[in-house]
Amino acid sequence: MITSTLLIYKPGLVKKLYLMLINNNLIMVYGVVEIAMALGILYFKNNTKFSLIPLLIGILLFIDGILYVIFSSRKEKLLTAILKMKNKTLQKMSLLSLIAAVGLLIAGLTV
């Protein structure tokens, strides 16, 4: 949710972060962080009001994290392509992830 919000309001800042990930070869670390987030979401999914939304998002995050670790060189190409995108396009794309993040937050509210 934070990255999506930053992409909407400050896309240049997120581009700098991606550039730092590429230059310092930290893409694999990003994947490990995503795997940890996914495991946390999947562990606590039964404590939520709607357990289907955290299940789906947790599985997608886990798969994405695995892909970041395995195919870090390809993800570097993807991040480079994102750096070349126009800010308006990035802002539009981030709305979808922001909606998913808000859905996860709402699903996490207790009954």
N, C-alpha and C. Protein backbone atom coordinates (compact mmCIF):
# COMPACT_ATOMS: atom_id res chain seq x y z
N MET A 1 0.84 -1.17 0.00
CA MET A 1 0.00 0.00 0.00
C MET A 1 0.89 1.25 0.00
N ILE A 2 1.99 1.17 0.70
CA ILE A 2 2.89 2.32 0.77
C ILE A 2 3.52 2.59 -0.59
N THR A 3 3.99 1.53 -1.25
CA THR A 3 4.61 1.70 -2.56
C THR A 3 3.61 2.23 -3.57
N SER A 4 2.39 1.72 -3.53
CA SER A 4 1.36 2.19 -4.47
C SER A 4 1.04 3.65 -4.24
N THR A 5 0.92 4.03 -2.99
CA THR A 5 0.63 5.43 -2.67
C THR A 5 1.79 6.33 -3.10
N LEU A 6 3.02 5.87 -2.85
CA LEU A 6 4.17 6.65 -3.29
C LEU A 6 4.23 6.76 -4.81
N LEU A 7 3.87 5.68 -5.51
CA LEU A 7 3.86 5.73 -6.97
C LEU A 7 2.84 6.73 -7.50
N ILE A 8 1.74 6.87 -6.79
CA ILE A 8 0.72 7.82 -7.23
C ILE A 8 1.19 9.25 -7.02
N TYR A 9 1.77 9.52 -5.84
CA TYR A 9 2.12 10.90 -5.51
C TYR A 9 3.57 11.27 -5.82
N LYS A 10 4.50 10.33 -5.67
CA LYS A 10 5.93 10.61 -5.88
C LYS A 10 6.56 9.48 -6.71
N PRO A 11 6.22 9.35 -7.99
CA PRO A 11 6.80 8.25 -8.77
C PRO A 11 8.32 8.35 -8.93
N GLY A 12 8.86 9.54 -8.87
CA GLY A 12 10.31 9.71 -8.98
C GLY A 12 11.06 9.08 -7.81
N LEU A 13 10.46 9.14 -6.62
CA LEU A 13 11.08 8.55 -5.44
C LEU A 13 11.16 7.03 -5.57
N VAL A 14 10.09 6.40 -6.05
CA VAL A 14 10.08 4.95 -6.23
C VAL A 14 11.06 4.54 -7.32
N LYS A 15 11.17 5.36 -8.35
CA LYS A 15 12.14 5.07 -9.41
C LYS A 15 13.57 5.11 -8.85
N LYS A 16 13.84 6.05 -7.94
CA LYS A 16 15.16 6.11 -7.32
C LYS A 16 15.42 4.85 -6.48
N LEU A 17 14.38 4.38 -5.78
CA LEU A 17 14.51 3.16 -4.99
C LEU A 17 14.82 1.96 -5.90
N TYR A 18 14.10 1.85 -7.01
CA TYR A 18 14.35 0.75 -7.95
C TYR A 18 15.75 0.85 -8.53
N LEU A 19 16.20 2.05 -8.82
CA LEU A 19 17.54 2.24 -9.35
C LEU A 19 18.59 1.81 -8.32
N MET A 20 18.33 2.11 -7.05
CA MET A 20 19.24 1.69 -5.99
C MET A 20 19.26 0.16 -5.89
N LEU A 21 18.10 -0.49 -6.02
CA LEU A 21 18.05 -1.95 -5.99
C LEU A 21 18.87 -2.55 -7.11
N ILE A 22 18.78 -1.95 -8.29
CA ILE A 22 19.52 -2.47 -9.45
C ILE A 22 21.02 -2.23 -9.27
N ASN A 23 21.41 -1.02 -8.89
CA ASN A 23 22.83 -0.68 -8.79
C ASN A 23 23.54 -1.46 -7.69
N ASN A 24 22.87 -1.72 -6.58
CA ASN A 24 23.50 -2.41 -5.46
C ASN A 24 23.23 -3.91 -5.48
N ASN A 25 22.58 -4.39 -6.53
CA ASN A 25 22.28 -5.82 -6.70
C ASN A 25 21.52 -6.38 -5.49
N LEU A 26 20.47 -5.66 -5.09
CA LEU A 26 19.66 -6.05 -3.93
C LEU A 26 18.31 -6.63 -4.32
N ILE A 27 18.17 -7.04 -5.56
CA ILE A 27 16.88 -7.54 -6.03
C ILE A 27 16.51 -8.83 -5.31
N MET A 28 17.49 -9.67 -5.01
CA MET A 28 17.21 -10.92 -4.32
C MET A 28 16.72 -10.65 -2.89
N VAL A 29 17.26 -9.62 -2.26
CA VAL A 29 16.81 -9.26 -0.90
C VAL A 29 15.34 -8.84 -0.93
N TYR A 30 14.95 -8.12 -1.97
CA TYR A 30 13.55 -7.71 -2.13
C TYR A 30 12.65 -8.94 -2.21
N GLY A 31 13.11 -9.98 -2.91
CA GLY A 31 12.35 -11.23 -3.01
C GLY A 31 12.21 -11.92 -1.66
N VAL A 32 13.27 -11.92 -0.87
CA VAL A 32 13.23 -12.55 0.45
C VAL A 32 12.25 -11.79 1.36
N VAL A 33 12.23 -10.48 1.25
CA VAL A 33 11.28 -9.67 2.05
C VAL A 33 9.84 -9.99 1.63
N GLU A 34 9.62 -10.15 0.32
CA GLU A 34 8.27 -10.50 -0.14
C GLU A 34 7.85 -11.87 0.35
N ILE A 35 8.77 -12.82 0.37
CA ILE A 35 8.45 -14.16 0.88
C ILE A 35 8.08 -14.08 2.36
N ALA A 36 8.82 -13.31 3.14
CA ALA A 36 8.52 -13.15 4.56
C ALA A 36 7.15 -12.50 4.77
N MET A 37 6.83 -11.48 3.97
CA MET A 37 5.52 -10.84 4.08
C MET A 37 4.42 -11.83 3.73
N ALA A 38 4.63 -12.63 2.68
CA ALA A 38 3.63 -13.60 2.26
C ALA A 38 3.39 -14.65 3.34
N LEU A 39 4.46 -15.13 3.96
CA LEU A 39 4.29 -16.13 5.02
C LEU A 39 3.55 -15.54 6.22
N GLY A 40 3.82 -14.29 6.53
CA GLY A 40 3.08 -13.63 7.61
C GLY A 40 1.60 -13.48 7.29
N ILE A 41 1.31 -13.10 6.06
CA ILE A 41 -0.09 -12.95 5.64
C ILE A 41 -0.79 -14.31 5.67
N LEU A 42 -0.14 -15.34 5.16
CA LEU A 42 -0.74 -16.67 5.14
C LEU A 42 -0.90 -17.25 6.54
N TYR A 43 0.00 -16.93 7.44
CA TYR A 43 -0.09 -17.44 8.81
C TYR A 43 -1.30 -16.84 9.54
N PHE A 44 -1.55 -15.55 9.34
CA PHE A 44 -2.62 -14.88 10.07
C PHE A 44 -3.92 -14.77 9.29
N LYS A 45 -4.04 -15.44 8.16
CA LYS A 45 -5.24 -15.30 7.33
C LYS A 45 -6.50 -15.81 8.02
N ASN A 46 -6.38 -16.77 8.92
CA ASN A 46 -7.57 -17.31 9.59
C ASN A 46 -8.11 -16.37 10.65
N ASN A 47 -7.36 -15.36 11.02
CA ASN A 47 -7.82 -14.38 12.00
C ASN A 47 -8.55 -13.21 11.37
N THR A 48 -8.81 -13.28 10.08
CA THR A 48 -9.43 -12.17 9.37
C THR A 48 -10.91 -12.43 9.13
N LYS A 49 -11.58 -11.38 8.75
CA LYS A 49 -13.02 -11.47 8.48
C LYS A 49 -13.27 -12.26 7.19
N PHE A 50 -12.52 -11.94 6.14
CA PHE A 50 -12.60 -12.63 4.87
C PHE A 50 -11.25 -13.30 4.62
N SER A 51 -11.18 -14.61 4.74
CA SER A 51 -9.88 -15.27 4.64
C SER A 51 -9.46 -15.54 3.19
N LEU A 52 -10.36 -15.37 2.23
CA LEU A 52 -10.01 -15.64 0.83
C LEU A 52 -9.06 -14.57 0.27
N ILE A 53 -9.30 -13.31 0.60
CA ILE A 53 -8.47 -12.23 0.08
C ILE A 53 -7.02 -12.34 0.58
N PRO A 54 -6.79 -12.53 1.88
CA PRO A 54 -5.40 -12.71 2.32
C PRO A 54 -4.76 -13.98 1.75
N LEU A 55 -5.55 -15.02 1.55
CA LEU A 55 -5.01 -16.25 0.96
C LEU A 55 -4.50 -15.99 -0.44
N LEU A 56 -5.30 -15.33 -1.26
CA LEU A 56 -4.90 -15.04 -2.64
C LEU A 56 -3.69 -14.11 -2.69
N ILE A 57 -3.72 -13.05 -1.90
CA ILE A 57 -2.62 -12.09 -1.92
C ILE A 57 -1.36 -12.73 -1.34
N GLY A 58 -1.49 -13.54 -0.31
CA GLY A 58 -0.34 -14.22 0.26
C GLY A 58 0.31 -15.18 -0.72
N ILE A 59 -0.51 -15.94 -1.44
CA ILE A 59 0.03 -16.87 -2.44
C ILE A 59 0.71 -16.10 -3.56
N LEU A 60 0.09 -15.02 -4.03
CA LEU A 60 0.70 -14.23 -5.10
C LEU A 60 2.01 -13.58 -4.65
N LEU A 61 2.05 -13.07 -3.43
CA LEU A 61 3.29 -12.50 -2.91
C LEU A 61 4.38 -13.55 -2.78
N PHE A 62 4.00 -14.73 -2.32
CA PHE A 62 4.97 -15.81 -2.16
C PHE A 62 5.55 -16.21 -3.51
N ILE A 63 4.69 -16.39 -4.50
CA ILE A 63 5.16 -16.74 -5.84
C ILE A 63 6.04 -15.64 -6.40
N ASP A 64 5.64 -14.38 -6.22
CA ASP A 64 6.43 -13.26 -6.72
C ASP A 64 7.80 -13.22 -6.03
N GLY A 65 7.82 -13.45 -4.73
CA GLY A 65 9.09 -13.47 -4.01
C GLY A 65 10.01 -14.58 -4.48
N ILE A 66 9.45 -15.76 -4.73
CA ILE A 66 10.25 -16.87 -5.26
C ILE A 66 10.81 -16.50 -6.62
N LEU A 67 9.98 -15.88 -7.45
CA LEU A 67 10.45 -15.48 -8.78
C LEU A 67 11.55 -14.42 -8.69
N TYR A 68 11.44 -13.51 -7.71
CA TYR A 68 12.49 -12.51 -7.53
C TYR A 68 13.81 -13.19 -7.16
N VAL A 69 13.74 -14.22 -6.33
CA VAL A 69 14.97 -14.89 -5.90
C VAL A 69 15.56 -15.72 -7.04
N ILE A 70 14.71 -16.46 -7.74
CA ILE A 70 15.20 -17.36 -8.79
C ILE A 70 15.65 -16.59 -10.03
N PHE A 71 14.82 -15.65 -10.46
CA PHE A 71 15.09 -14.94 -11.71
C PHE A 71 15.47 -13.48 -11.46
N SER A 72 16.43 -13.25 -10.59
CA SER A 72 16.77 -11.87 -10.24
C SER A 72 17.31 -11.08 -11.43
N SER A 73 17.98 -11.75 -12.36
CA SER A 73 18.49 -11.02 -13.53
C SER A 73 17.35 -10.57 -14.44
N ARG A 74 16.32 -11.40 -14.55
CA ARG A 74 15.16 -11.00 -15.36
C ARG A 74 14.37 -9.90 -14.67
N LYS A 75 14.29 -9.96 -13.36
CA LYS A 75 13.59 -8.90 -12.62
C LYS A 75 14.35 -7.58 -12.75
N GLU A 76 15.66 -7.67 -12.89
CA GLU A 76 16.44 -6.45 -13.10
C GLU A 76 16.04 -5.80 -14.42
N LYS A 77 15.81 -6.60 -15.43
CA LYS A 77 15.36 -6.06 -16.72
C LYS A 77 13.97 -5.45 -16.58
N LEU A 78 13.11 -6.09 -15.79
CA LEU A 78 11.76 -5.56 -15.57
C LEU A 78 11.82 -4.23 -14.84
N LEU A 79 12.63 -4.14 -13.80
CA LEU A 79 12.75 -2.88 -13.07
C LEU A 79 13.35 -1.79 -13.95
N THR A 80 14.26 -2.17 -14.84
CA THR A 80 14.82 -1.20 -15.77
C THR A 80 13.73 -0.69 -16.72
N ALA A 81 12.84 -1.60 -17.15
CA ALA A 81 11.73 -1.18 -18.01
C ALA A 81 10.78 -0.26 -17.26
N ILE A 82 10.55 -0.54 -15.98
CA ILE A 82 9.69 0.32 -15.17
C ILE A 82 10.30 1.70 -15.03
N LEU A 83 11.63 1.76 -14.91
CA LEU A 83 12.31 3.05 -14.80
C LEU A 83 12.11 3.90 -16.05
N LYS A 84 11.94 3.25 -17.19
CA LYS A 84 11.78 3.98 -18.45
C LYS A 84 10.33 4.39 -18.71
N MET A 85 9.38 3.89 -17.92
CA MET A 85 7.97 4.23 -18.12
C MET A 85 7.69 5.68 -17.74
N LYS A 86 6.67 6.21 -18.34
CA LYS A 86 6.23 7.56 -17.98
C LYS A 86 5.59 7.52 -16.60
N ASN A 87 5.69 8.63 -15.88
CA ASN A 87 5.13 8.70 -14.53
C ASN A 87 3.62 8.50 -14.53
N LYS A 88 2.93 9.04 -15.52
CA LYS A 88 1.46 8.90 -15.58
C LYS A 88 1.07 7.43 -15.73
N THR A 89 1.81 6.67 -16.52
CA THR A 89 1.51 5.25 -16.70
C THR A 89 1.73 4.50 -15.39
N LEU A 90 2.79 4.80 -14.69
CA LEU A 90 3.05 4.16 -13.40
C LEU A 90 1.96 4.50 -12.38
N GLN A 91 1.49 5.72 -12.41
CA GLN A 91 0.44 6.13 -11.48
C GLN A 91 -0.85 5.36 -11.74
N LYS A 92 -1.17 5.16 -13.00
CA LYS A 92 -2.38 4.40 -13.34
C LYS A 92 -2.24 2.94 -12.95
N MET A 93 -1.07 2.36 -13.17
CA MET A 93 -0.84 0.96 -12.83
C MET A 93 -0.87 0.74 -11.32
N SER A 94 -0.43 1.71 -10.56
CA SER A 94 -0.37 1.55 -9.12
C SER A 94 -1.75 1.57 -8.47
N LEU A 95 -2.75 2.08 -9.17
CA LEU A 95 -4.11 2.08 -8.61
C LEU A 95 -4.60 0.65 -8.36
N LEU A 96 -4.27 -0.28 -9.24
CA LEU A 96 -4.69 -1.67 -9.07
C LEU A 96 -4.07 -2.28 -7.82
N SER A 97 -2.79 -2.07 -7.62
CA SER A 97 -2.15 -2.62 -6.42
C SER A 97 -2.64 -1.91 -5.16
N LEU A 98 -2.99 -0.65 -5.27
CA LEU A 98 -3.53 0.07 -4.12
C LEU A 98 -4.90 -0.50 -3.73
N ILE A 99 -5.71 -0.81 -4.71
CA ILE A 99 -7.02 -1.43 -4.44
C ILE A 99 -6.84 -2.78 -3.77
N ALA A 100 -5.88 -3.58 -4.26
CA ALA A 100 -5.61 -4.88 -3.63
C ALA A 100 -5.12 -4.71 -2.20
N ALA A 101 -4.28 -3.72 -1.96
CA ALA A 101 -3.76 -3.49 -0.61
C ALA A 101 -4.86 -3.04 0.34
N VAL A 102 -5.76 -2.19 -0.13
CA VAL A 102 -6.88 -1.76 0.70
C VAL A 102 -7.80 -2.94 0.97
N GLY A 103 -8.00 -3.80 -0.03
CA GLY A 103 -8.80 -5.01 0.18
C GLY A 103 -8.19 -5.91 1.24
N LEU A 104 -6.87 -6.04 1.22
CA LEU A 104 -6.18 -6.85 2.24
C LEU A 104 -6.34 -6.21 3.61
N LEU A 105 -6.25 -4.91 3.67
CA LEU A 105 -6.41 -4.22 4.95
C LEU A 105 -7.82 -4.39 5.50
N ILE A 106 -8.82 -4.26 4.64
CA ILE A 106 -10.21 -4.43 5.07
C ILE A 106 -10.46 -5.87 5.50
N ALA A 107 -9.88 -6.82 4.76
CA ALA A 107 -10.05 -8.23 5.12
C ALA A 107 -9.40 -8.54 6.45
N GLY A 108 -8.37 -7.79 6.81
CA GLY A 108 -7.67 -8.04 8.07
C GLY A 108 -8.35 -7.48 9.29
N LEU A 109 -9.39 -6.68 9.08
CA LEU A 109 -10.12 -6.15 10.23
C LEU A 109 -10.84 -7.27 10.94
N THR A 110 -10.84 -7.22 12.23
CA THR A 110 -11.50 -8.28 13.00
C THR A 110 -13.00 -8.14 12.91
N VAL A 111 -13.68 -9.23 13.12
CA VAL A 111 -15.14 -9.28 13.00
C VAL A 111 -15.79 -8.53 14.12
